[in-house]
Amino acid sequence: MLAACSMGLGTCPIGFARPWLNQARIKRSLGIPDDYVPVFPVVVGHPSGEMPPVQRRAPEIFIWL
């Protein structure tokens, strides 16, 4: 996803697609070998506009002794 971003592409993980992608007929239609298990489907495409930077919080550091 970081590599795609560096090339000006947008990405979005689509977790709900995992069960669908693991169906035998879907694997056949997409050319996914039977013994492969899709675990992290990601949509990649061109964003419709400029994306603003994400606001970041300072990290919270916890120490347990």
PDB file of N, CA and C in Angstrom:
ATOM      1  N   MET A   1       0.826  -1.168   0.000  1.00  0.00           N
ATOM      2  CA  MET A   1       0.000   0.000   0.000  1.00  0.00           C
ATOM      3  C   MET A   1       0.880   1.243   0.000  1.00  0.00           C
ATOM      4  N   LEU A   2       2.000   1.171   0.734  1.00  0.00           N
ATOM      5  CA  LEU A   2       2.914   2.315   0.746  1.00  0.00           C
ATOM      6  C   LEU A   2       3.557   2.513  -0.626  1.00  0.00           C
ATOM      7  N   ALA A   3       3.909   1.415  -1.287  1.00  0.00           N
ATOM      8  CA  ALA A   3       4.511   1.513  -2.616  1.00  0.00           C
ATOM      9  C   ALA A   3       3.518   2.118  -3.601  1.00  0.00           C
ATOM     10  N   ALA A   4       2.254   1.686  -3.527  1.00  0.00           N
ATOM     11  CA  ALA A   4       1.227   2.239  -4.415  1.00  0.00           C
ATOM     12  C   ALA A   4       1.070   3.735  -4.169  1.00  0.00           C
ATOM     13  N   CYS A   5       1.056   4.119  -2.899  1.00  0.00           N
ATOM     14  CA  CYS A   5       0.932   5.539  -2.548  1.00  0.00           C
ATOM     15  C   CYS A   5       2.090   6.341  -3.125  1.00  0.00           C
ATOM     16  N   SER A   6       3.296   5.775  -3.059  1.00  0.00           N
ATOM     17  CA  SER A   6       4.462   6.494  -3.586  1.00  0.00           C
ATOM     18  C   SER A   6       4.389   6.668  -5.103  1.00  0.00           C
ATOM     19  N   MET A   7       3.541   5.858  -5.767  1.00  0.00           N
ATOM     20  CA  MET A   7       3.351   5.970  -7.216  1.00  0.00           C
ATOM     21  C   MET A   7       2.106   6.789  -7.559  1.00  0.00           C
ATOM     22  N   GLY A   8       1.508   7.441  -6.540  1.00  0.00           N
ATOM     23  CA  GLY A   8       0.342   8.284  -6.783  1.00  0.00           C
ATOM     24  C   GLY A   8      -0.974   7.523  -6.848  1.00  0.00           C
ATOM     25  N   LEU A   9      -0.979   6.279  -6.388  1.00  0.00           N
ATOM     26  CA  LEU A   9      -2.192   5.472  -6.413  1.00  0.00           C
ATOM     27  C   LEU A   9      -2.849   5.457  -5.042  1.00  0.00           C
ATOM     28  N   GLY A  10      -4.136   5.206  -5.008  1.00  0.00           N
ATOM     29  CA  GLY A  10      -4.860   5.062  -3.760  1.00  0.00           C
ATOM     30  C   GLY A  10      -5.160   3.597  -3.514  1.00  0.00           C
ATOM     31  N   THR A  11      -5.275   3.208  -2.251  1.00  0.00           N
ATOM     32  CA  THR A  11      -5.566   1.817  -1.904  1.00  0.00           C
ATOM     33  C   THR A  11      -6.600   1.761  -0.788  1.00  0.00           C
ATOM     34  N   CYS A  12      -7.263   0.611  -0.699  1.00  0.00           N
ATOM     35  CA  CYS A  12      -8.221   0.389   0.385  1.00  0.00           C
ATOM     36  C   CYS A  12      -8.325  -1.114   0.625  1.00  0.00           C
ATOM     37  N   PRO A  13      -8.040  -1.576   1.856  1.00  0.00           N
ATOM     38  CA  PRO A  13      -8.214  -3.010   2.138  1.00  0.00           C
ATOM     39  C   PRO A  13      -9.705  -3.354   2.188  1.00  0.00           C
ATOM     40  N   ILE A  14     -10.062  -4.491   1.618  1.00  0.00           N
ATOM     41  CA  ILE A  14     -11.460  -4.919   1.557  1.00  0.00           C
ATOM     42  C   ILE A  14     -11.571  -6.287   2.227  1.00  0.00           C
ATOM     43  N   GLY A  15     -11.604  -6.301   3.558  1.00  0.00           N
ATOM     44  CA  GLY A  15     -11.612  -7.537   4.315  1.00  0.00           C
ATOM     45  C   GLY A  15     -12.822  -8.416   4.086  1.00  0.00           C
ATOM     46  N   PHE A  16     -13.993  -7.802   3.836  1.00  0.00           N
ATOM     47  CA  PHE A  16     -15.194  -8.614   3.657  1.00  0.00           C
ATOM     48  C   PHE A  16     -15.137  -9.450   2.384  1.00  0.00           C
ATOM     49  N   ALA A  17     -14.171  -9.207   1.491  1.00  0.00           N
ATOM     50  CA  ALA A  17     -14.058  -9.963   0.243  1.00  0.00           C
ATOM     51  C   ALA A  17     -13.353 -11.302   0.436  1.00  0.00           C
ATOM     52  N   ARG A  18     -12.722 -11.523   1.595  1.00  0.00           N
ATOM     53  CA  ARG A  18     -11.986 -12.769   1.821  1.00  0.00           C
ATOM     54  C   ARG A  18     -12.840 -14.019   1.608  1.00  0.00           C
ATOM     55  N   PRO A  19     -14.015 -14.140   2.238  1.00  0.00           N
ATOM     56  CA  PRO A  19     -14.808 -15.361   2.017  1.00  0.00           C
ATOM     57  C   PRO A  19     -15.184 -15.552   0.543  1.00  0.00           C
ATOM     58  N   TRP A  20     -15.493 -14.476  -0.137  1.00  0.00           N
ATOM     59  CA  TRP A  20     -15.858 -14.546  -1.548  1.00  0.00           C
ATOM     60  C   TRP A  20     -14.672 -15.028  -2.381  1.00  0.00           C
ATOM     61  N   LEU A  21     -13.477 -14.483  -2.112  1.00  0.00           N
ATOM     62  CA  LEU A  21     -12.289 -14.863  -2.870  1.00  0.00           C
ATOM     63  C   LEU A  21     -11.846 -16.297  -2.596  1.00  0.00           C
ATOM     64  N   ASN A  22     -12.274 -16.887  -1.491  1.00  0.00           N
ATOM     65  CA  ASN A  22     -11.880 -18.254  -1.164  1.00  0.00           C
ATOM     66  C   ASN A  22     -12.839 -19.309  -1.734  1.00  0.00           C
ATOM     67  N   GLN A  23     -13.852 -18.899  -2.489  1.00  0.00           N
ATOM     68  CA  GLN A  23     -14.751 -19.847  -3.144  1.00  0.00           C
ATOM     69  C   GLN A  23     -14.053 -20.468  -4.355  1.00  0.00           C
ATOM     70  N   ALA A  24     -14.205 -21.764  -4.534  1.00  0.00           N
ATOM     71  CA  ALA A  24     -13.520 -22.485  -5.612  1.00  0.00           C
ATOM     72  C   ALA A  24     -13.812 -21.881  -6.988  1.00  0.00           C
ATOM     73  N   ARG A  25     -15.072 -21.547  -7.258  1.00  0.00           N
ATOM     74  CA  ARG A  25     -15.411 -21.023  -8.598  1.00  0.00           C
ATOM     75  C   ARG A  25     -14.807 -19.635  -8.827  1.00  0.00           C
ATOM     76  N   ILE A  26     -14.704 -18.840  -7.779  1.00  0.00           N
ATOM     77  CA  ILE A  26     -14.107 -17.509  -7.905  1.00  0.00           C
ATOM     78  C   ILE A  26     -12.601 -17.643  -8.131  1.00  0.00           C
ATOM     79  N   LYS A  27     -11.960 -18.542  -7.367  1.00  0.00           N
ATOM     80  CA  LYS A  27     -10.531 -18.787  -7.566  1.00  0.00           C
ATOM     81  C   LYS A  27     -10.254 -19.212  -9.007  1.00  0.00           C
ATOM     82  N   ARG A  28     -11.084 -20.128  -9.525  1.00  0.00           N
ATOM     83  CA  ARG A  28     -10.899 -20.575 -10.913  1.00  0.00           C
ATOM     84  C   ARG A  28     -11.030 -19.409 -11.887  1.00  0.00           C
ATOM     85  N   SER A  29     -12.059 -18.579 -11.695  1.00  0.00           N
ATOM     86  CA  SER A  29     -12.296 -17.481 -12.642  1.00  0.00           C
ATOM     87  C   SER A  29     -11.197 -16.428 -12.593  1.00  0.00           C
ATOM     88  N   LEU A  30     -10.531 -16.282 -11.430  1.00  0.00           N
ATOM     89  CA  LEU A  30      -9.451 -15.296 -11.299  1.00  0.00           C
ATOM     90  C   LEU A  30      -8.062 -15.903 -11.487  1.00  0.00           C
ATOM     91  N   GLY A  31      -8.005 -17.215 -11.680  1.00  0.00           N
ATOM     92  CA  GLY A  31      -6.715 -17.876 -11.873  1.00  0.00           C
ATOM     93  C   GLY A  31      -5.911 -18.022 -10.588  1.00  0.00           C
ATOM     94  N   ILE A  32      -6.597 -18.072  -9.445  1.00  0.00           N
ATOM     95  CA  ILE A  32      -5.921 -18.257  -8.159  1.00  0.00           C
ATOM     96  C   ILE A  32      -5.798 -19.756  -7.922  1.00  0.00           C
ATOM     97  N   PRO A  33      -4.581 -20.281  -7.708  1.00  0.00           N
ATOM     98  CA  PRO A  33      -4.430 -21.721  -7.468  1.00  0.00           C
ATOM     99  C   PRO A  33      -5.263 -22.176  -6.262  1.00  0.00           C
ATOM    100  N   ASP A  34      -5.756 -23.419  -6.326  1.00  0.00           N
ATOM    101  CA  ASP A  34      -6.617 -23.969  -5.271  1.00  0.00           C
ATOM    102  C   ASP A  34      -5.967 -23.937  -3.900  1.00  0.00           C
ATOM    103  N   ASP A  35      -4.635 -24.133  -3.843  1.00  0.00           N
ATOM    104  CA  ASP A  35      -3.969 -24.198  -2.542  1.00  0.00           C
ATOM    105  C   ASP A  35      -3.560 -22.818  -2.012  1.00  0.00           C
ATOM    106  N   TYR A  36      -3.888 -21.748  -2.717  1.00  0.00           N
ATOM    107  CA  TYR A  36      -3.623 -20.389  -2.237  1.00  0.00           C
ATOM    108  C   TYR A  36      -4.820 -19.907  -1.421  1.00  0.00           C
ATOM    109  N   VAL A  37      -4.555 -19.123  -0.383  1.00  0.00           N
ATOM    110  CA  VAL A  37      -5.617 -18.578   0.459  1.00  0.00           C
ATOM    111  C   VAL A  37      -5.489 -17.055   0.494  1.00  0.00           C
ATOM    112  N   PRO A  38      -6.369 -16.330  -0.203  1.00  0.00           N
ATOM    113  CA  PRO A  38      -6.325 -14.868  -0.135  1.00  0.00           C
ATOM    114  C   PRO A  38      -6.597 -14.414   1.308  1.00  0.00           C
ATOM    115  N   VAL A  39      -5.733 -13.539   1.816  1.00  0.00           N
ATOM    116  CA  VAL A  39      -5.892 -13.097   3.202  1.00  0.00           C
ATOM    117  C   VAL A  39      -6.030 -11.583   3.355  1.00  0.00           C
ATOM    118  N   PHE A  40      -5.660 -10.809   2.344  1.00  0.00           N
ATOM    119  CA  PHE A  40      -5.712  -9.351   2.497  1.00  0.00           C
ATOM    120  C   PHE A  40      -6.014  -8.695   1.147  1.00  0.00           C
ATOM    121  N   PRO A  41      -7.273  -8.770   0.672  1.00  0.00           N
ATOM    122  CA  PRO A  41      -7.609  -8.137  -0.594  1.00  0.00           C
ATOM    123  C   PRO A  41      -7.478  -6.611  -0.496  1.00  0.00           C
ATOM    124  N   VAL A  42      -6.875  -6.025  -1.516  1.00  0.00           N
ATOM    125  CA  VAL A  42      -6.667  -4.573  -1.546  1.00  0.00           C
ATOM    126  C   VAL A  42      -7.111  -4.043  -2.905  1.00  0.00           C
ATOM    127  N   VAL A  43      -7.925  -3.008  -2.891  1.00  0.00           N
ATOM    128  CA  VAL A  43      -8.317  -2.323  -4.119  1.00  0.00           C
ATOM    129  C   VAL A  43      -7.280  -1.241  -4.380  1.00  0.00           C
ATOM    130  N   VAL A  44      -6.822  -1.147  -5.634  1.00  0.00           N
ATOM    131  CA  VAL A  44      -5.828  -0.141  -6.024  1.00  0.00           C
ATOM    132  C   VAL A  44      -6.399   0.660  -7.184  1.00  0.00           C
ATOM    133  N   GLY A  45      -6.249   1.984  -7.124  1.00  0.00           N
ATOM    134  CA  GLY A  45      -6.770   2.805  -8.208  1.00  0.00           C
ATOM    135  C   GLY A  45      -6.250   4.226  -8.136  1.00  0.00           C
ATOM    136  N   HIS A  46      -6.737   5.048  -9.040  1.00  0.00           N
ATOM    137  CA  HIS A  46      -6.340   6.452  -9.074  1.00  0.00           C
ATOM    138  C   HIS A  46      -7.323   7.268  -8.234  1.00  0.00           C
ATOM    139  N   PRO A  47      -6.814   8.032  -7.249  1.00  0.00           N
ATOM    140  CA  PRO A  47      -7.705   8.861  -6.426  1.00  0.00           C
ATOM    141  C   PRO A  47      -8.416   9.916  -7.285  1.00  0.00           C
ATOM    142  N   SER A  48      -9.602  10.306  -6.859  1.00  0.00           N
ATOM    143  CA  SER A  48     -10.369  11.301  -7.612  1.00  0.00           C
ATOM    144  C   SER A  48      -9.868  12.723  -7.366  1.00  0.00           C
ATOM    145  N   GLY A  49      -9.021  12.908  -6.388  1.00  0.00           N
ATOM    146  CA  GLY A  49      -8.481  14.236  -6.096  1.00  0.00           C
ATOM    147  C   GLY A  49      -7.322  14.148  -5.127  1.00  0.00           C
ATOM    148  N   GLU A  50      -6.822  15.284  -4.732  1.00  0.00           N
ATOM    149  CA  GLU A  50      -5.718  15.354  -3.785  1.00  0.00           C
ATOM    150  C   GLU A  50      -6.204  14.960  -2.394  1.00  0.00           C
ATOM    151  N   MET A  51      -5.466  14.108  -1.735  1.00  0.00           N
ATOM    152  CA  MET A  51      -5.837  13.677  -0.391  1.00  0.00           C
ATOM    153  C   MET A  51      -5.050  14.485   0.632  1.00  0.00           C
ATOM    154  N   PRO A  52      -5.739  15.057   1.628  1.00  0.00           N
ATOM    155  CA  PRO A  52      -5.014  15.825   2.650  1.00  0.00           C
ATOM    156  C   PRO A  52      -4.222  14.885   3.547  1.00  0.00           C
ATOM    157  N   PRO A  53      -3.135  15.378   4.153  1.00  0.00           N
ATOM    158  CA  PRO A  53      -2.380  14.528   5.064  1.00  0.00           C
ATOM    159  C   PRO A  53      -3.222  14.140   6.278  1.00  0.00           C
ATOM    160  N   VAL A  54      -2.940  12.976   6.814  1.00  0.00           N
ATOM    161  CA  VAL A  54      -3.660  12.478   7.987  1.00  0.00           C
ATOM    162  C   VAL A  54      -3.067  13.113   9.235  1.00  0.00           C
ATOM    163  N   GLN A  55      -3.936  13.630  10.095  1.00  0.00           N
ATOM    164  CA  GLN A  55      -3.463  14.205  11.354  1.00  0.00           C
ATOM    165  C   GLN A  55      -2.951  13.090  12.256  1.00  0.00           C
ATOM    166  N   ARG A  56      -1.803  13.281  12.834  1.00  0.00           N
ATOM    167  CA  ARG A  56      -1.206  12.273  13.704  1.00  0.00           C
ATOM    168  C   ARG A  56      -1.142  12.790  15.136  1.00  0.00           C
ATOM    169  N   ARG A  57      -1.398  11.899  16.078  1.00  0.00           N
ATOM    170  CA  ARG A  57      -1.236  12.228  17.490  1.00  0.00           C
ATOM    171  C   ARG A  57       0.173  11.839  17.911  1.00  0.00           C
ATOM    172  N   ALA A  58       0.662  12.495  18.938  1.00  0.00           N
ATOM    173  CA  ALA A  58       1.956  12.088  19.501  1.00  0.00           C
ATOM    174  C   ALA A  58       1.794  10.697  20.096  1.00  0.00           C
ATOM    175  N   PRO A  59       2.801   9.831  19.954  1.00  0.00           N
ATOM    176  CA  PRO A  59       2.674   8.484  20.505  1.00  0.00           C
ATOM    177  C   PRO A  59       2.603   8.503  22.031  1.00  0.00           C
ATOM    178  N   GLU A  60       1.810   7.596  22.580  1.00  0.00           N
ATOM    179  CA  GLU A  60       1.746   7.428  24.028  1.00  0.00           C
ATOM    180  C   GLU A  60       2.636   6.253  24.392  1.00  0.00           C
ATOM    181  N   ILE A  61       3.539   6.466  25.309  1.00  0.00           N
ATOM    182  CA  ILE A  61       4.469   5.415  25.717  1.00  0.00           C
ATOM    183  C   ILE A  61       4.114   4.952  27.111  1.00  0.00           C
ATOM    184  N   PHE A  62       3.846   3.671  27.254  1.00  0.00           N
ATOM    185  CA  PHE A  62       3.497   3.084  28.533  1.00  0.00           C
ATOM    186  C   PHE A  62       4.616   2.154  28.965  1.00  0.00           C
ATOM    187  N   ILE A  63       4.951   2.202  30.238  1.00  0.00           N
ATOM    188  CA  ILE A  63       5.989   1.307  30.778  1.00  0.00           C
ATOM    189  C   ILE A  63       5.415   0.580  31.982  1.00  0.00           C
ATOM    190  N   TRP A  64       5.487  -0.745  31.953  1.00  0.00           N
ATOM    191  CA  TRP A  64       5.084  -1.564  33.101  1.00  0.00           C
ATOM    192  C   TRP A  64       6.336  -2.190  33.707  1.00  0.00           C
ATOM    193  N   LEU A  65       6.510  -2.011  34.972  1.00  0.00           N
ATOM    194  CA  LEU A  65       7.671  -2.604  35.653  1.00  0.00           C
ATOM    195  C   LEU A  65       7.272  -3.687  36.602  1.00  0.00           C
TER     196      LEU A  65
END
